[in-house]
């Protein structure tokens, strides 16, 4: 477990994520260039002797001395379990301009670590403490952003809600752009929206949608608003039914999870 983060600096991440300056370019322009997101799913240690009191303070120290100073990491964040199958989950997310920058950022991180903790004993002690918060198991995935995004505009010091929908790619279908432009972008309860596709991980069919809300109640309100916006755009019932028959074929099922970010660890 020692130096878990040192082993996979470049793999630290969602979804997402994306609420940061990392995707500041207008995702709807022809000049759109994807960014790459590395997502590490960590798990809180189940050891009853581990004291989590200083977890945030420890991660903030690492963030301020390393992550914040690494200019190749253009966005990052931690996302805590809220409603997921596993309440021990913590998503660690980093965003890069290119695939090559993932490896280059790793080299910069190593240098920053040595600068921040030049004394070997103190360096070892810090990382032993940091790693003690997590179980030994973790998983890594890499995604490329897609040309459908609504940038979060919020300076909130309170956690935001991240509703993650992991879709499986379907066998056809059409209409995603039309729905995105006329429903998702117009829904005022959706403070941010990000899409990404699999590049590295366990399932090549993964197509991820991340919706960002101010609070949990706004998720339900956004569903109701979607219905109103759908009715407003597809006023012809027959054409609407035809559209959604094609739209439904885009995906072959999905899973849902809800997380909260940690504002003090957001880049």
Protein backbone atom coordinates (compact mmCIF):
# COMPACT_ATOMS: atom_id res chain seq x y z
CA UNK A 1 0.00 0.00 0.00
CA UNK A 2 2.98 2.29 0.53
CA UNK A 3 3.08 5.18 -1.91
CA UNK A 4 -0.13 4.08 -3.66
CA UNK A 5 -0.43 7.50 -5.24
CA UNK A 6 3.20 7.52 -6.34
CA UNK A 7 2.62 4.32 -8.24
CA UNK A 8 -0.22 5.82 -10.22
CA UNK A 9 0.17 9.61 -10.16
CA UNK A 10 -0.94 9.88 -13.76
CA UNK A 11 -3.97 7.69 -13.19
CA UNK A 12 -5.47 9.82 -10.44
CA UNK A 13 -8.63 11.45 -11.44
CA UNK A 14 -14.52 11.79 -13.29
CA UNK A 15 -16.03 12.18 -14.44
CA UNK A 16 -15.65 14.24 -13.91
CA UNK A 17 -15.12 15.84 -13.99
CA UNK A 18 -14.94 18.36 -15.48
CA UNK A 19 -16.47 21.21 -13.36
CA UNK A 20 -13.22 22.94 -13.73
CA UNK A 21 -11.13 25.08 -15.99
CA UNK A 22 -10.05 21.84 -17.59
CA UNK A 23 -12.72 21.95 -20.25
CA UNK A 24 -12.94 25.68 -20.58
CA UNK A 25 -12.94 25.51 -24.35
CA UNK A 26 -16.38 25.74 -25.93
CA UNK A 27 -17.31 22.12 -26.43
CA UNK A 28 -19.85 22.98 -29.09
CA UNK A 29 -17.42 24.53 -31.57
CA UNK A 30 -15.90 22.88 -34.61
CA UNK A 31 -12.49 23.34 -32.98
CA UNK A 32 -13.43 21.01 -30.16
CA UNK A 33 -10.50 18.95 -28.91
CA UNK A 34 -11.12 16.20 -26.35
CA UNK A 35 -9.45 16.22 -22.98
CA UNK A 36 -8.51 13.01 -21.21
CA UNK A 37 -9.77 12.09 -17.77
CA UNK A 38 -8.08 9.53 -15.57
CA UNK A 39 -10.45 8.09 -12.97
CA UNK A 40 -9.22 6.12 -9.99
CA UNK A 41 -11.84 4.48 -7.80
CA UNK A 42 -10.41 4.34 -4.30
CA UNK A 43 -11.98 2.80 -1.21
CA UNK A 44 -11.85 4.02 2.37
CA UNK A 45 -9.94 1.71 4.67
CA UNK A 46 -12.12 -0.57 6.76
CA UNK A 47 -9.46 -0.74 9.48
CA UNK A 48 -11.21 0.45 12.69
CA UNK A 49 -7.90 1.81 13.98
CA UNK A 50 -7.54 4.31 11.12
CA UNK A 51 -8.35 7.87 12.19
CA UNK A 52 -9.99 9.81 9.36
CA UNK A 53 -10.03 13.10 11.27
CA UNK A 54 -7.14 14.55 9.25
CA UNK A 55 -8.09 13.01 5.89
CA UNK A 56 -9.05 16.32 4.30
CA UNK A 57 -6.11 18.19 5.83
CA UNK A 58 -3.70 15.55 4.51
CA UNK A 59 -5.17 15.58 1.00
CA UNK A 60 -5.19 19.38 0.97
CA UNK A 61 -1.50 19.38 1.82
CA UNK A 62 -0.80 17.06 -1.11
CA UNK A 63 -3.04 19.12 -3.37
CA UNK A 64 -1.35 22.44 -2.49
CA UNK A 65 2.20 21.11 -2.76
CA UNK A 66 1.78 18.87 -5.80
CA UNK A 67 -1.46 18.84 -7.79
CA UNK A 68 -2.01 22.61 -7.79
CA UNK A 69 1.54 23.19 -9.02
CA UNK A 70 1.48 20.63 -11.82
CA UNK A 71 0.44 22.66 -14.89
CA UNK A 72 -0.19 19.54 -16.97
CA UNK A 73 -3.01 18.56 -14.62
CA UNK A 74 -5.56 21.03 -15.91
CA UNK A 75 -8.35 19.85 -13.64
CA UNK A 76 -8.79 17.52 -10.70
CA UNK A 77 -11.13 16.64 -7.86
CA UNK A 78 -12.30 14.17 -5.27
CA UNK A 79 -15.85 12.81 -5.36
CA UNK A 80 -17.32 11.11 -2.32
CA UNK A 81 -20.00 8.43 -2.17
CA UNK A 82 -23.52 9.79 -1.72
CA UNK A 83 -25.79 7.17 -3.32
CA UNK A 84 -23.73 4.34 -4.81
CA UNK A 85 -23.63 0.55 -4.38
CA UNK A 86 -20.44 0.87 -2.31
CA UNK A 87 -20.31 3.51 0.43
CA UNK A 88 -16.52 3.20 0.69
CA UNK A 89 -15.96 4.66 -2.80
CA UNK A 90 -13.96 7.81 -3.41
CA UNK A 91 -13.34 8.90 -7.00
CA UNK A 92 -10.09 10.73 -7.66
CA UNK A 93 -10.12 12.57 -10.98
CA UNK A 94 -7.46 14.33 -13.05
CA UNK A 95 -7.86 15.98 -16.44
CA UNK A 96 -5.20 16.37 -19.14
CA UNK A 97 -5.04 18.10 -22.51
CA UNK A 98 -3.59 15.05 -24.23
CA UNK A 99 -2.82 11.37 -23.74
CA UNK A 100 0.89 12.17 -23.75
CA UNK A 101 0.45 14.66 -20.90
CA UNK A 102 -0.67 11.88 -18.58
CA UNK A 103 2.81 10.39 -18.58
CA UNK A 104 4.57 13.76 -18.62
CA UNK A 105 2.51 14.90 -15.63
CA UNK A 106 3.71 11.87 -13.73
CA UNK A 107 7.31 13.01 -14.14
CA UNK A 108 6.47 16.53 -12.92
CA UNK A 109 4.59 15.11 -9.95
CA UNK A 110 7.61 13.06 -8.90
CA UNK A 111 9.79 16.19 -8.95
CA UNK A 112 7.23 18.19 -6.97
CA UNK A 113 7.02 15.44 -4.37
CA UNK A 114 10.79 15.50 -3.87
CA UNK A 115 10.72 19.30 -3.58
CA UNK A 116 7.85 19.27 -1.11
CA UNK A 117 9.29 16.51 1.10
CA UNK A 118 13.09 16.49 0.55
CA UNK A 119 13.66 14.63 3.81
CA UNK A 120 13.16 10.93 3.06
CA UNK A 121 11.88 10.06 6.52
CA UNK A 122 9.28 12.84 6.48
CA UNK A 123 8.29 11.97 2.92
CA UNK A 124 7.79 8.32 3.83
CA UNK A 125 5.81 9.26 6.93
CA UNK A 126 3.51 11.55 4.97
CA UNK A 127 2.67 8.99 2.30
CA UNK A 128 2.24 6.21 4.83
CA UNK A 129 -0.31 8.40 6.59
CA UNK A 130 -2.03 9.38 3.34
CA UNK A 131 -2.22 5.80 2.11
CA UNK A 132 -3.53 4.53 5.45
CA UNK A 133 -6.89 6.14 4.66
CA UNK A 134 -7.47 3.80 1.72
CA UNK A 135 -7.92 0.09 1.17
CA UNK A 136 -5.31 -1.64 -0.97
CA UNK A 137 -7.74 -2.25 -3.83
CA UNK A 138 -8.39 0.39 -6.47
CA UNK A 139 -9.27 0.54 -10.16
CA UNK A 140 -8.18 2.87 -12.97
CA UNK A 141 -9.98 4.05 -16.09
CA UNK A 142 -9.30 6.68 -18.73
CA UNK A 143 -11.98 8.55 -20.68
CA UNK A 144 -11.95 11.07 -23.52
CA UNK A 145 -14.39 13.95 -23.31
CA UNK A 146 -17.08 14.28 -25.97
CA UNK A 147 -18.51 17.29 -27.77
CA UNK A 148 -21.55 17.64 -25.50
CA UNK A 149 -20.94 19.73 -22.40
CA UNK A 150 -22.47 22.46 -20.30
CA UNK A 151 -19.84 24.13 -18.14
CA UNK A 152 -20.49 24.56 -14.42
CA UNK A 153 -20.55 28.19 -13.36
CA UNK A 154 -20.38 28.07 -9.58
CA UNK A 155 -18.10 29.41 -6.86
CA UNK A 156 -19.94 27.46 -4.17
CA UNK A 157 -17.90 26.41 -1.16
CA UNK A 158 -20.52 23.77 -0.46
CA UNK A 159 -20.36 20.38 -2.20
CA UNK A 160 -22.20 20.02 -5.51
CA UNK A 161 -24.11 16.90 -6.48
CA UNK A 162 -22.81 14.72 -9.34
CA UNK A 163 -25.28 12.32 -10.90
CA UNK A 164 -23.30 9.85 -13.00
CA UNK A 165 -25.03 7.75 -15.61
CA UNK A 166 -22.85 4.99 -17.03
CA UNK A 167 -24.44 3.96 -20.32
CA UNK A 168 -23.67 0.94 -22.46
CA UNK A 169 -23.39 1.82 -26.14
CA UNK A 170 -26.33 0.60 -28.22
CA UNK A 171 -26.39 -0.78 -31.74
CA UNK A 172 -27.59 2.32 -33.53
CA UNK A 173 -29.94 5.20 -32.89
CA UNK A 174 -29.76 8.92 -33.52
CA UNK A 175 -30.78 12.30 -32.13
CA UNK A 176 -28.37 12.92 -29.26
CA UNK A 177 -27.37 16.38 -30.49
CA UNK A 178 -30.99 17.45 -30.98
CA UNK A 179 -31.93 16.31 -27.47
CA UNK A 180 -28.84 17.88 -25.92
CA UNK A 181 -29.39 21.27 -27.58
CA UNK A 182 -33.11 21.48 -26.91
CA UNK A 183 -33.47 19.81 -23.53
CA UNK A 184 -30.24 19.37 -21.58
CA UNK A 185 -28.80 22.79 -22.38
CA UNK A 186 -32.10 24.52 -21.58
CA UNK A 187 -32.70 22.79 -18.26
CA UNK A 188 -31.85 25.40 -15.61
CA UNK A 189 -31.63 22.82 -12.84
CA UNK A 190 -28.70 21.16 -14.61
CA UNK A 191 -25.74 23.32 -13.57
CA UNK A 192 -23.24 21.30 -15.56
CA UNK A 193 -23.26 18.40 -17.97
CA UNK A 194 -20.34 16.36 -19.30
CA UNK A 195 -19.99 13.37 -21.59
CA UNK A 196 -17.08 11.04 -22.13
CA UNK A 197 -16.26 7.76 -23.81
CA UNK A 198 -14.08 4.83 -22.86
CA UNK A 199 -10.40 4.88 -23.74
CA UNK A 200 -8.96 2.53 -21.14
CA UNK A 201 -10.72 0.34 -18.59
CA UNK A 202 -12.87 -2.70 -18.03
CA UNK A 203 -15.68 -2.01 -20.49
CA UNK A 204 -15.18 -0.56 -23.97
CA UNK A 205 -18.95 0.06 -24.27
CA UNK A 206 -18.92 2.72 -21.55
CA UNK A 207 -20.42 6.09 -22.47
CA UNK A 208 -20.61 8.35 -19.42
CA UNK A 209 -22.96 11.27 -18.73
CA UNK A 210 -22.34 13.46 -15.68
CA UNK A 211 -25.00 15.93 -14.58
CA UNK A 212 -24.19 18.48 -11.87
CA UNK A 213 -26.77 19.92 -9.46
CA UNK A 214 -26.83 22.30 -6.52
CA UNK A 215 -28.62 19.77 -4.33
CA UNK A 216 -30.27 16.36 -4.37
CA UNK A 217 -33.81 17.74 -4.74
CA UNK A 218 -32.86 19.40 -8.03
CA UNK A 219 -32.33 16.00 -9.65
CA UNK A 220 -36.04 15.22 -9.38
CA UNK A 221 -36.94 18.75 -10.47
CA UNK A 222 -34.69 18.40 -13.52
CA UNK A 223 -36.53 15.24 -14.60
CA UNK A 224 -39.81 17.14 -14.50
CA UNK A 225 -38.24 20.03 -16.40
CA UNK A 226 -36.97 17.62 -19.05
CA UNK A 227 -40.54 16.48 -19.65
CA UNK A 228 -41.71 20.07 -20.14
CA UNK A 229 -38.85 20.85 -22.50
CA UNK A 230 -39.51 17.69 -24.50
CA UNK A 231 -43.17 18.63 -24.92
CA UNK A 232 -42.18 22.16 -25.96
CA UNK A 233 -39.76 20.94 -28.63
CA UNK A 234 -41.66 17.95 -30.01
CA UNK A 235 -45.10 19.50 -30.31
CA UNK A 236 -46.12 16.96 -32.94
CA UNK A 237 -46.82 13.78 -30.95
CA UNK A 238 -46.20 11.41 -33.88
CA UNK A 239 -42.85 13.01 -34.71
CA UNK A 240 -41.90 12.94 -31.04
CA UNK A 241 -42.63 9.23 -30.77
CA UNK A 242 -40.62 8.58 -33.93
CA UNK A 243 -37.70 10.58 -32.55
CA UNK A 244 -37.60 8.76 -29.21
CA UNK A 245 -37.78 5.34 -30.85
CA UNK A 246 -34.50 6.17 -32.62
CA UNK A 247 -33.05 7.91 -29.58
CA UNK A 248 -33.68 4.88 -27.35
CA UNK A 249 -31.42 2.74 -29.54
CA UNK A 250 -28.37 4.85 -28.67
CA UNK A 251 -27.93 3.00 -25.39
CA UNK A 252 -28.37 -0.58 -24.22
CA UNK A 253 -28.97 0.02 -20.52
CA UNK A 254 -27.22 2.04 -17.84
CA UNK A 255 -26.25 2.25 -14.17
CA UNK A 256 -26.57 5.24 -11.84
CA UNK A 257 -24.50 6.68 -9.01
CA UNK A 258 -24.46 9.97 -7.09
CA UNK A 259 -21.38 11.63 -5.61
CA UNK A 260 -20.47 14.90 -3.88
CA UNK A 261 -17.31 16.84 -4.62
CA UNK A 262 -14.84 18.25 -2.10
CA UNK A 263 -14.55 21.98 -2.99
CA UNK A 264 -11.18 22.47 -1.28
CA UNK A 265 -9.66 19.74 -3.47
CA UNK A 266 -11.08 21.04 -6.75
CA UNK A 267 -8.77 22.33 -9.48
